[in-house]
Amino acid sequence: MNTTTSPTVDLRTISPRERHALVFSTFKALPPGGTMELINDHNPQPLRGQFESGLYGAFNWTPLEEGPVQWRVEIAKPADSQPAHGGSSCCGSCGG
């Protein structure tokens, strides 16, 4: 039986200037159909905006817990997702 683990990225202990790059690099490493869980100490709406501008249609965002102490989100890469990098569509946040 082949099992894959879904990474959990707890941003509460990460320096604010490193948070978004870590999330995007973790997402980039997910296989198609993979998921990750994000834990944050504030509403990650600005991060979601970056996903929407750079990876529109190539992710699914599901809130699991919405404050007031912590926010948890499942971010999934659809099984049929195609890379959204290149040209003017890349936001540059993930380093890709």
PDB file of N, CA and C in Angstrom:
ATOM      1  N   MET A   1       0.845  -1.180   0.000  1.00  0.00           N
ATOM      2  CA  MET A   1       0.000   0.000   0.000  1.00  0.00           C
ATOM      3  C   MET A   1       0.884   1.234   0.000  1.00  0.00           C
ATOM      4  N   ASN A   2       0.587   2.171  -0.874  1.00  0.00           N
ATOM      5  CA  ASN A   2       1.364   3.397  -0.990  1.00  0.00           C
ATOM      6  C   ASN A   2       0.624   4.528  -0.285  1.00  0.00           C
ATOM      7  N   THR A   3       1.228   5.082   0.764  1.00  0.00           N
ATOM      8  CA  THR A   3       0.607   6.197   1.456  1.00  0.00           C
ATOM      9  C   THR A   3       1.503   7.415   1.339  1.00  0.00           C
ATOM     10  N   THR A   4       0.874   8.541   1.185  1.00  0.00           N
ATOM     11  CA  THR A   4       1.628   9.781   1.149  1.00  0.00           C
ATOM     12  C   THR A   4       1.200  10.625   2.332  1.00  0.00           C
ATOM     13  N   THR A   5       2.113  11.389   2.855  1.00  0.00           N
ATOM     14  CA  THR A   5       1.779  12.268   3.960  1.00  0.00           C
ATOM     15  C   THR A   5       1.567  13.673   3.429  1.00  0.00           C
ATOM     16  N   SER A   6       0.665  14.355   4.051  1.00  0.00           N
ATOM     17  CA  SER A   6       0.407  15.747   3.698  1.00  0.00           C
ATOM     18  C   SER A   6       1.195  16.624   4.654  1.00  0.00           C
ATOM     19  N   PRO A   7       2.073  17.467   4.127  1.00  0.00           N
ATOM     20  CA  PRO A   7       2.871  18.308   5.019  1.00  0.00           C
ATOM     21  C   PRO A   7       2.007  19.341   5.740  1.00  0.00           C
ATOM     22  N   THR A   8       2.381  19.617   6.973  1.00  0.00           N
ATOM     23  CA  THR A   8       1.779  20.693   7.751  1.00  0.00           C
ATOM     24  C   THR A   8       2.816  21.786   7.898  1.00  0.00           C
ATOM     25  N   VAL A   9       2.455  22.999   7.511  1.00  0.00           N
ATOM     26  CA  VAL A   9       3.353  24.141   7.621  1.00  0.00           C
ATOM     27  C   VAL A   9       2.794  25.056   8.708  1.00  0.00           C
ATOM     28  N   ASP A  10       3.465  25.074   9.855  1.00  0.00           N
ATOM     29  CA  ASP A  10       3.053  25.908  10.981  1.00  0.00           C
ATOM     30  C   ASP A  10       3.839  27.211  10.914  1.00  0.00           C
ATOM     31  N   LEU A  11       3.189  28.247  10.448  1.00  0.00           N
ATOM     32  CA  LEU A  11       3.865  29.527  10.233  1.00  0.00           C
ATOM     33  C   LEU A  11       4.026  30.345  11.509  1.00  0.00           C
ATOM     34  N   ARG A  12       3.419  29.923  12.593  1.00  0.00           N
ATOM     35  CA  ARG A  12       3.481  30.699  13.830  1.00  0.00           C
ATOM     36  C   ARG A  12       4.896  30.831  14.373  1.00  0.00           C
ATOM     37  N   THR A  13       5.768  29.902  14.026  1.00  0.00           N
ATOM     38  CA  THR A  13       7.142  29.942  14.539  1.00  0.00           C
ATOM     39  C   THR A  13       8.148  30.397  13.484  1.00  0.00           C
ATOM     40  N   ILE A  14       7.670  30.792  12.316  1.00  0.00           N
ATOM     41  CA  ILE A  14       8.534  31.190  11.202  1.00  0.00           C
ATOM     42  C   ILE A  14       8.572  32.718  11.114  1.00  0.00           C
ATOM     43  N   SER A  15       9.741  33.249  10.818  1.00  0.00           N
ATOM     44  CA  SER A  15       9.893  34.693  10.636  1.00  0.00           C
ATOM     45  C   SER A  15       8.913  35.182   9.564  1.00  0.00           C
ATOM     46  N   PRO A  16       8.203  36.289   9.821  1.00  0.00           N
ATOM     47  CA  PRO A  16       7.220  36.775   8.839  1.00  0.00           C
ATOM     48  C   PRO A  16       7.777  36.952   7.430  1.00  0.00           C
ATOM     49  N   ARG A  17       9.016  37.376   7.288  1.00  0.00           N
ATOM     50  CA  ARG A  17       9.540  37.596   5.933  1.00  0.00           C
ATOM     51  C   ARG A  17       9.837  36.289   5.195  1.00  0.00           C
ATOM     52  N   GLU A  18       9.834  35.155   5.897  1.00  0.00           N
ATOM     53  CA  GLU A  18      10.107  33.854   5.273  1.00  0.00           C
ATOM     54  C   GLU A  18       8.849  33.026   5.033  1.00  0.00           C
ATOM     55  N   ARG A  19       7.728  33.466   5.554  1.00  0.00           N
ATOM     56  CA  ARG A  19       6.515  32.642   5.552  1.00  0.00           C
ATOM     57  C   ARG A  19       5.992  32.309   4.155  1.00  0.00           C
ATOM     58  N   HIS A  20       5.764  33.309   3.331  1.00  0.00           N
ATOM     59  CA  HIS A  20       5.139  33.048   2.029  1.00  0.00           C
ATOM     60  C   HIS A  20       6.034  32.205   1.131  1.00  0.00           C
ATOM     61  N   ALA A  21       7.334  32.456   1.159  1.00  0.00           N
ATOM     62  CA  ALA A  21       8.253  31.648   0.345  1.00  0.00           C
ATOM     63  C   ALA A  21       8.206  30.184   0.772  1.00  0.00           C
ATOM     64  N   LEU A  22       8.114  29.936   2.082  1.00  0.00           N
ATOM     65  CA  LEU A  22       8.030  28.562   2.577  1.00  0.00           C
ATOM     66  C   LEU A  22       6.743  27.894   2.101  1.00  0.00           C
ATOM     67  N   VAL A  23       5.637  28.607   2.169  1.00  0.00           N
ATOM     68  CA  VAL A  23       4.359  28.038   1.728  1.00  0.00           C
ATOM     69  C   VAL A  23       4.409  27.706   0.239  1.00  0.00           C
ATOM     70  N   PHE A  24       4.912  28.626  -0.581  1.00  0.00           N
ATOM     71  CA  PHE A  24       4.956  28.378  -2.022  1.00  0.00           C
ATOM     72  C   PHE A  24       5.926  27.257  -2.384  1.00  0.00           C
ATOM     73  N   SER A  25       7.049  27.161  -1.699  1.00  0.00           N
ATOM     74  CA  SER A  25       7.977  26.067  -2.014  1.00  0.00           C
ATOM     75  C   SER A  25       7.391  24.722  -1.593  1.00  0.00           C
ATOM     76  N   THR A  26       6.661  24.696  -0.480  1.00  0.00           N
ATOM     77  CA  THR A  26       6.005  23.456  -0.054  1.00  0.00           C
ATOM     78  C   THR A  26       4.920  23.069  -1.047  1.00  0.00           C
ATOM     79  N   PHE A  27       4.134  24.038  -1.497  1.00  0.00           N
ATOM     80  CA  PHE A  27       3.087  23.763  -2.478  1.00  0.00           C
ATOM     81  C   PHE A  27       3.686  23.264  -3.787  1.00  0.00           C
ATOM     82  N   LYS A  28       4.752  23.908  -4.227  1.00  0.00           N
ATOM     83  CA  LYS A  28       5.401  23.517  -5.485  1.00  0.00           C
ATOM     84  C   LYS A  28       5.871  22.064  -5.439  1.00  0.00           C
ATOM     85  N   ALA A  29       6.303  21.600  -4.255  1.00  0.00           N
ATOM     86  CA  ALA A  29       6.805  20.234  -4.107  1.00  0.00           C
ATOM     87  C   ALA A  29       5.692  19.191  -4.026  1.00  0.00           C
ATOM     88  N   LEU A  30       4.448  19.627  -3.863  1.00  0.00           N
ATOM     89  CA  LEU A  30       3.346  18.667  -3.789  1.00  0.00           C
ATOM     90  C   LEU A  30       3.153  17.972  -5.131  1.00  0.00           C
ATOM     91  N   PRO A  31       2.852  16.685  -5.100  1.00  0.00           N
ATOM     92  CA  PRO A  31       2.497  16.013  -6.351  1.00  0.00           C
ATOM     93  C   PRO A  31       1.074  16.411  -6.747  1.00  0.00           C
ATOM     94  N   PRO A  32       0.706  16.277  -8.024  1.00  0.00           N
ATOM     95  CA  PRO A  32      -0.687  16.504  -8.399  1.00  0.00           C
ATOM     96  C   PRO A  32      -1.597  15.636  -7.528  1.00  0.00           C
ATOM     97  N   GLY A  33      -2.639  16.234  -6.990  1.00  0.00           N
ATOM     98  CA  GLY A  33      -3.543  15.535  -6.082  1.00  0.00           C
ATOM     99  C   GLY A  33      -3.130  15.643  -4.623  1.00  0.00           C
ATOM    100  N   GLY A  34      -1.968  16.237  -4.357  1.00  0.00           N
ATOM    101  CA  GLY A  34      -1.463  16.361  -2.993  1.00  0.00           C
ATOM    102  C   GLY A  34      -2.089  17.528  -2.248  1.00  0.00           C
ATOM    103  N   THR A  35      -2.004  17.464  -0.929  1.00  0.00           N
ATOM    104  CA  THR A  35      -2.518  18.531  -0.084  1.00  0.00           C
ATOM    105  C   THR A  35      -1.484  18.901   0.973  1.00  0.00           C
ATOM    106  N   MET A  36      -1.643  20.099   1.499  1.00  0.00           N
ATOM    107  CA  MET A  36      -0.836  20.550   2.621  1.00  0.00           C
ATOM    108  C   MET A  36      -1.761  21.289   3.575  1.00  0.00           C
ATOM    109  N   GLU A  37      -1.368  21.327   4.840  1.00  0.00           N
ATOM    110  CA  GLU A  37      -2.128  22.098   5.815  1.00  0.00           C
ATOM    111  C   GLU A  37      -1.285  23.273   6.272  1.00  0.00           C
ATOM    112  N   LEU A  38      -1.908  24.420   6.336  1.00  0.00           N
ATOM    113  CA  LEU A  38      -1.262  25.650   6.756  1.00  0.00           C
ATOM    114  C   LEU A  38      -1.855  26.064   8.098  1.00  0.00           C
ATOM    115  N   ILE A  39      -0.998  26.414   9.060  1.00  0.00           N
ATOM    116  CA  ILE A  39      -1.438  26.939  10.353  1.00  0.00           C
ATOM    117  C   ILE A  39      -0.815  28.316  10.509  1.00  0.00           C
ATOM    118  N   ASN A  40      -1.641  29.308  10.849  1.00  0.00           N
ATOM    119  CA  ASN A  40      -1.146  30.676  10.953  1.00  0.00           C
ATOM    120  C   ASN A  40      -1.753  31.359  12.171  1.00  0.00           C
ATOM    121  N   ASP A  41      -1.121  32.444  12.616  1.00  0.00           N
ATOM    122  CA  ASP A  41      -1.606  33.197  13.771  1.00  0.00           C
ATOM    123  C   ASP A  41      -2.464  34.391  13.366  1.00  0.00           C
ATOM    124  N   HIS A  42      -2.733  34.535  12.081  1.00  0.00           N
ATOM    125  CA  HIS A  42      -3.629  35.572  11.580  1.00  0.00           C
ATOM    126  C   HIS A  42      -4.279  35.072  10.294  1.00  0.00           C
ATOM    127  N   ASN A  43      -5.303  35.773   9.868  1.00  0.00           N
ATOM    128  CA  ASN A  43      -6.023  35.392   8.657  1.00  0.00           C
ATOM    129  C   ASN A  43      -5.069  35.425   7.458  1.00  0.00           C
ATOM    130  N   PRO A  44      -4.903  34.303   6.753  1.00  0.00           N
ATOM    131  CA  PRO A  44      -3.961  34.250   5.629  1.00  0.00           C
ATOM    132  C   PRO A  44      -4.538  34.775   4.316  1.00  0.00           C
ATOM    133  N   GLN A  45      -5.472  35.694   4.380  1.00  0.00           N
ATOM    134  CA  GLN A  45      -6.098  36.227   3.167  1.00  0.00           C
ATOM    135  C   GLN A  45      -5.094  36.836   2.186  1.00  0.00           C
ATOM    136  N   PRO A  46      -4.068  37.595   2.639  1.00  0.00           N
ATOM    137  CA  PRO A  46      -3.088  38.108   1.668  1.00  0.00           C
ATOM    138  C   PRO A  46      -2.349  36.984   0.926  1.00  0.00           C
ATOM    139  N   LEU A  47      -2.072  35.895   1.621  1.00  0.00           N
ATOM    140  CA  LEU A  47      -1.423  34.746   0.985  1.00  0.00           C
ATOM    141  C   LEU A  47      -2.348  34.135  -0.063  1.00  0.00           C
ATOM    142  N   ARG A  48      -3.621  34.034   0.272  1.00  0.00           N
ATOM    143  CA  ARG A  48      -4.576  33.500  -0.702  1.00  0.00           C
ATOM    144  C   ARG A  48      -4.611  34.382  -1.954  1.00  0.00           C
ATOM    145  N   GLY A  49      -4.520  35.687  -1.760  1.00  0.00           N
ATOM    146  CA  GLY A  49      -4.474  36.600  -2.901  1.00  0.00           C
ATOM    147  C   GLY A  49      -3.274  36.338  -3.792  1.00  0.00           C
ATOM    148  N   GLN A  50      -2.132  36.025  -3.180  1.00  0.00           N
ATOM    149  CA  GLN A  50      -0.945  35.693  -3.979  1.00  0.00           C
ATOM    150  C   GLN A  50      -1.157  34.396  -4.748  1.00  0.00           C
ATOM    151  N   PHE A  51      -1.790  33.403  -4.111  1.00  0.00           N
ATOM    152  CA  PHE A  51      -2.100  32.158  -4.817  1.00  0.00           C
ATOM    153  C   PHE A  51      -3.012  32.451  -6.008  1.00  0.00           C
ATOM    154  N   GLU A  52      -4.035  33.268  -5.795  1.00  0.00           N
ATOM    155  CA  GLU A  52      -4.985  33.551  -6.868  1.00  0.00           C
ATOM    156  C   GLU A  52      -4.352  34.324  -8.017  1.00  0.00           C
ATOM    157  N   SER A  53      -3.416  35.209  -7.714  1.00  0.00           N
ATOM    158  CA  SER A  53      -2.807  35.979  -8.804  1.00  0.00           C
ATOM    159  C   SER A  53      -1.739  35.187  -9.549  1.00  0.00           C
ATOM    160  N   GLY A  54      -1.066  34.263  -8.880  1.00  0.00           N
ATOM    161  CA  GLY A  54       0.009  33.531  -9.533  1.00  0.00           C
ATOM    162  C   GLY A  54      -0.319  32.107  -9.932  1.00  0.00           C
ATOM    163  N   LEU A  55      -1.307  31.506  -9.260  1.00  0.00           N
ATOM    164  CA  LEU A  55      -1.624  30.098  -9.510  1.00  0.00           C
ATOM    165  C   LEU A  55      -3.123  29.897  -9.723  1.00  0.00           C
ATOM    166  N   TYR A  56      -3.784  30.885 -10.301  1.00  0.00           N
ATOM    167  CA  TYR A  56      -5.231  30.821 -10.465  1.00  0.00           C
ATOM    168  C   TYR A  56      -5.649  29.517 -11.144  1.00  0.00           C
ATOM    169  N   GLY A  57      -6.569  28.793 -10.512  1.00  0.00           N
ATOM    170  CA  GLY A  57      -7.076  27.546 -11.063  1.00  0.00           C
ATOM    171  C   GLY A  57      -6.196  26.341 -10.813  1.00  0.00           C
ATOM    172  N   ALA A  58      -5.029  26.543 -10.211  1.00  0.00           N
ATOM    173  CA  ALA A  58      -4.094  25.431  -9.989  1.00  0.00           C
ATOM    174  C   ALA A  58      -4.011  25.046  -8.516  1.00  0.00           C
ATOM    175  N   PHE A  59      -5.004  25.461  -7.719  1.00  0.00           N
ATOM    176  CA  PHE A  59      -5.025  25.109  -6.303  1.00  0.00           C
ATOM    177  C   PHE A  59      -6.461  25.157  -5.800  1.00  0.00           C
ATOM    178  N   ASN A  60      -6.693  24.477  -4.686  1.00  0.00           N
ATOM    179  CA  ASN A  60      -7.966  24.562  -3.974  1.00  0.00           C
ATOM    180  C   ASN A  60      -7.658  25.000  -2.550  1.00  0.00           C
ATOM    181  N   TRP A  61      -8.398  25.941  -2.027  1.00  0.00           N
ATOM    182  CA  TRP A  61      -8.181  26.549  -0.707  1.00  0.00           C
ATOM    183  C   TRP A  61      -9.395  26.232   0.154  1.00  0.00           C
ATOM    184  N   THR A  62      -9.219  25.450   1.224  1.00  0.00           N
ATOM    185  CA  THR A  62     -10.327  25.072   2.087  1.00  0.00           C
ATOM    186  C   THR A  62     -10.040  25.492   3.519  1.00  0.00           C
ATOM    187  N   PRO A  63     -10.771  26.481   4.048  1.00  0.00           N
ATOM    188  CA  PRO A  63     -10.581  26.867   5.444  1.00  0.00           C
ATOM    189  C   PRO A  63     -10.998  25.718   6.374  1.00  0.00           C
ATOM    190  N   LEU A  64     -10.175  25.444   7.373  1.00  0.00           N
ATOM    191  CA  LEU A  64     -10.465  24.411   8.362  1.00  0.00           C
ATOM    192  C   LEU A  64     -10.781  25.019   9.725  1.00  0.00           C
ATOM    193  N   GLU A  65     -10.170  26.143  10.030  1.00  0.00           N
ATOM    194  CA  GLU A  65     -10.387  26.857  11.292  1.00  0.00           C
ATOM    195  C   GLU A  65     -10.127  28.338  11.025  1.00  0.00           C
ATOM    196  N   GLU A  66     -11.044  29.181  11.483  1.00  0.00           N
ATOM    197  CA  GLU A  66     -10.939  30.607  11.158  1.00  0.00           C
ATOM    198  C   GLU A  66     -10.907  31.467  12.416  1.00  0.00           C
ATOM    199  N   GLY A  67      -9.780  31.429  13.135  1.00  0.00           N
ATOM    200  CA  GLY A  67      -9.505  32.291  14.276  1.00  0.00           C
ATOM    201  C   GLY A  67     -10.420  32.077  15.459  1.00  0.00           C
ATOM    202  N   PRO A  68     -10.273  32.901  16.462  1.00  0.00           N
ATOM    203  CA  PRO A  68      -9.473  34.116  16.511  1.00  0.00           C
ATOM    204  C   PRO A  68      -8.010  33.893  16.918  1.00  0.00           C
ATOM    205  N   VAL A  69      -7.681  32.706  17.437  1.00  0.00           N
ATOM    206  CA  VAL A  69      -6.307  32.460  17.886  1.00  0.00           C
ATOM    207  C   VAL A  69      -5.443  31.904  16.762  1.00  0.00           C
ATOM    208  N   GLN A  70      -5.994  30.992  15.998  1.00  0.00           N
ATOM    209  CA  GLN A  70      -5.239  30.419  14.878  1.00  0.00           C
ATOM    210  C   GLN A  70      -6.167  30.177  13.704  1.00  0.00           C
ATOM    211  N   TRP A  71      -5.556  30.161  12.528  1.00  0.00           N
ATOM    212  CA  TRP A  71      -6.251  29.877  11.277  1.00  0.00           C
ATOM    213  C   TRP A  71      -5.594  28.649  10.673  1.00  0.00           C
ATOM    214  N   ARG A  72      -6.420  27.703  10.205  1.00  0.00           N
ATOM    215  CA  ARG A  72      -5.915  26.505   9.535  1.00  0.00           C
ATOM    216  C   ARG A  72      -6.584  26.414   8.171  1.00  0.00           C
ATOM    217  N   VAL A  73      -5.766  26.102   7.169  1.00  0.00           N
ATOM    218  CA  VAL A  73      -6.255  26.015   5.794  1.00  0.00           C
ATOM    219  C   VAL A  73      -5.654  24.773   5.149  1.00  0.00           C
ATOM    220  N   GLU A  74      -6.467  24.054   4.385  1.00  0.00           N
ATOM    221  CA  GLU A  74      -5.941  22.987   3.538  1.00  0.00           C
ATOM    222  C   GLU A  74      -5.779  23.576   2.140  1.00  0.00           C
ATOM    223  N   ILE A  75      -4.575  23.423   1.596  1.00  0.00           N
ATOM    224  CA  ILE A  75      -4.298  23.873   0.234  1.00  0.00           C
ATOM    225  C   ILE A  75      -4.000  22.623  -0.583  1.00  0.00           C
ATOM    226  N   ALA A  76      -4.762  22.428  -1.647  1.00  0.00           N
ATOM    227  CA  ALA A  76      -4.621  21.221  -2.465  1.00  0.00           C
ATOM    228  C   ALA A  76      -4.188  21.583  -3.876  1.00  0.00           C
ATOM    229  N   LYS A  77      -3.392  20.689  -4.443  1.00  0.00           N
ATOM    230  CA  LYS A  77      -3.003  20.802  -5.851  1.00  0.00           C
ATOM    231  C   LYS A  77      -3.854  19.781  -6.608  1.00  0.00           C
ATOM    232  N   PRO A  78      -4.768  20.237  -7.460  1.00  0.00           N
ATOM    233  CA  PRO A  78      -5.639  19.301  -8.171  1.00  0.00           C
ATOM    234  C   PRO A  78      -4.845  18.255  -8.958  1.00  0.00           C
ATOM    235  N   ALA A  79      -5.423  17.076  -9.080  1.00  0.00           N
ATOM    236  CA  ALA A  79      -4.754  15.979  -9.777  1.00  0.00           C
ATOM    237  C   ALA A  79      -4.438  16.333 -11.223  1.00  0.00           C
ATOM    238  N   ASP A  80      -5.235  17.208 -11.823  1.00  0.00           N
ATOM    239  CA  ASP A  80      -5.019  17.576 -13.227  1.00  0.00           C
ATOM    240  C   ASP A  80      -4.321  18.926 -13.371  1.00  0.00           C
ATOM    241  N   SER A  81      -3.672  19.394 -12.300  1.00  0.00           N
ATOM    242  CA  SER A  81      -3.071  20.732 -12.358  1.00  0.00           C
ATOM    243  C   SER A  81      -1.856  20.765 -13.268  1.00  0.00           C
ATOM    244  N   GLN A  82      -1.717  21.897 -13.917  1.00  0.00           N
ATOM    245  CA  GLN A  82      -0.575  22.155 -14.783  1.00  0.00           C
ATOM    246  C   GLN A  82       0.208  23.308 -14.180  1.00  0.00           C
ATOM    247  N   PRO A  83       1.504  23.324 -14.326  1.00  0.00           N
ATOM    248  CA  PRO A  83       2.284  24.441 -13.799  1.00  0.00           C
ATOM    249  C   PRO A  83       1.796  25.768 -14.366  1.00  0.00           C
ATOM    250  N   ALA A  84       1.738  26.780 -13.502  1.00  0.00           N
ATOM    251  CA  ALA A  84       1.271  28.103 -13.918  1.00  0.00           C
ATOM    252  C   ALA A  84       2.428  29.077 -14.042  1.00  0.00           C
ATOM    253  N   HIS A  85       3.629  28.571 -14.218  1.00  0.00           N
ATOM    254  CA  HIS A  85       4.803  29.435 -14.271  1.00  0.00           C
ATOM    255  C   HIS A  85       5.145  29.835 -15.698  1.00  0.00           C
ATOM    256  N   GLY A  86       5.892  30.893 -15.756  1.00  0.00           N
ATOM    257  CA  GLY A  86       6.384  31.346 -17.045  1.00  0.00           C
ATOM    258  C   GLY A  86       5.709  32.616 -17.492  1.00  0.00           C
ATOM    259  N   GLY A  87       6.399  33.343 -18.288  1.00  0.00           N
ATOM    260  CA  GLY A  87       5.837  34.572 -18.833  1.00  0.00           C
ATOM    261  C   GLY A  87       5.394  35.521 -17.751  1.00  0.00           C
ATOM    262  N   SER A  88       4.336  36.228 -18.017  1.00  0.00           N
ATOM    263  CA  SER A  88       3.861  37.222 -17.065  1.00  0.00           C
ATOM    264  C   SER A  88       2.929  36.644 -16.018  1.00  0.00           C
ATOM    265  N   SER A  89       2.605  35.343 -16.086  1.00  0.00           N
ATOM    266  CA  SER A  89       1.668  34.769 -15.127  1.00  0.00           C
ATOM    267  C   SER A  89       2.326  34.375 -13.816  1.00  0.00           C
ATOM    268  N   CYS A  90       3.644  34.347 -13.751  1.00  0.00           N
ATOM    269  CA  CYS A  90       4.327  33.920 -12.534  1.00  0.00           C
ATOM    270  C   CYS A  90       4.467  35.097 -11.577  1.00  0.00           C
ATOM    271  N   CYS A  91       4.024  34.905 -10.333  1.00  0.00           N
ATOM    272  CA  CYS A  91       4.101  35.980  -9.350  1.00  0.00           C
ATOM    273  C   CYS A  91       5.487  36.067  -8.727  1.00  0.00           C
ATOM    274  N   GLY A  92       6.311  35.025  -8.874  1.00  0.00           N
ATOM    275  CA  GLY A  92       7.667  35.037  -8.342  1.00  0.00           C
ATOM    276  C   GLY A  92       7.769  34.663  -6.882  1.00  0.00           C
ATOM    277  N   SER A  93       6.647  34.470  -6.198  1.00  0.00           N
ATOM    278  CA  SER A  93       6.671  34.202  -4.765  1.00  0.00           C
ATOM    279  C   SER A  93       7.292  32.864  -4.404  1.00  0.00           C
ATOM    280  N   CYS A  94       7.162  31.885  -5.263  1.00  0.00           N
ATOM    281  CA  CYS A  94       7.659  30.557  -4.933  1.00  0.00           C
ATOM    282  C   CYS A  94       9.069  30.319  -5.450  1.00  0.00           C
ATOM    283  N   GLY A  95       9.602  31.273  -6.156  1.00  0.00           N
ATOM    284  CA  GLY A  95      10.948  31.107  -6.696  1.00  0.00           C
ATOM    285  C   GLY A  95      10.988  30.325  -7.990  1.00  0.00           C
ATOM    286  N   GLY A  96       9.824  29.966  -8.541  1.00  0.00           N
ATOM    287  CA  GLY A  96       9.764  29.168  -9.760  1.00  0.00           C
ATOM    288  C   GLY A  96       9.865  29.956 -11.016  1.00  0.00           C
TER     289      GLY A  96
END
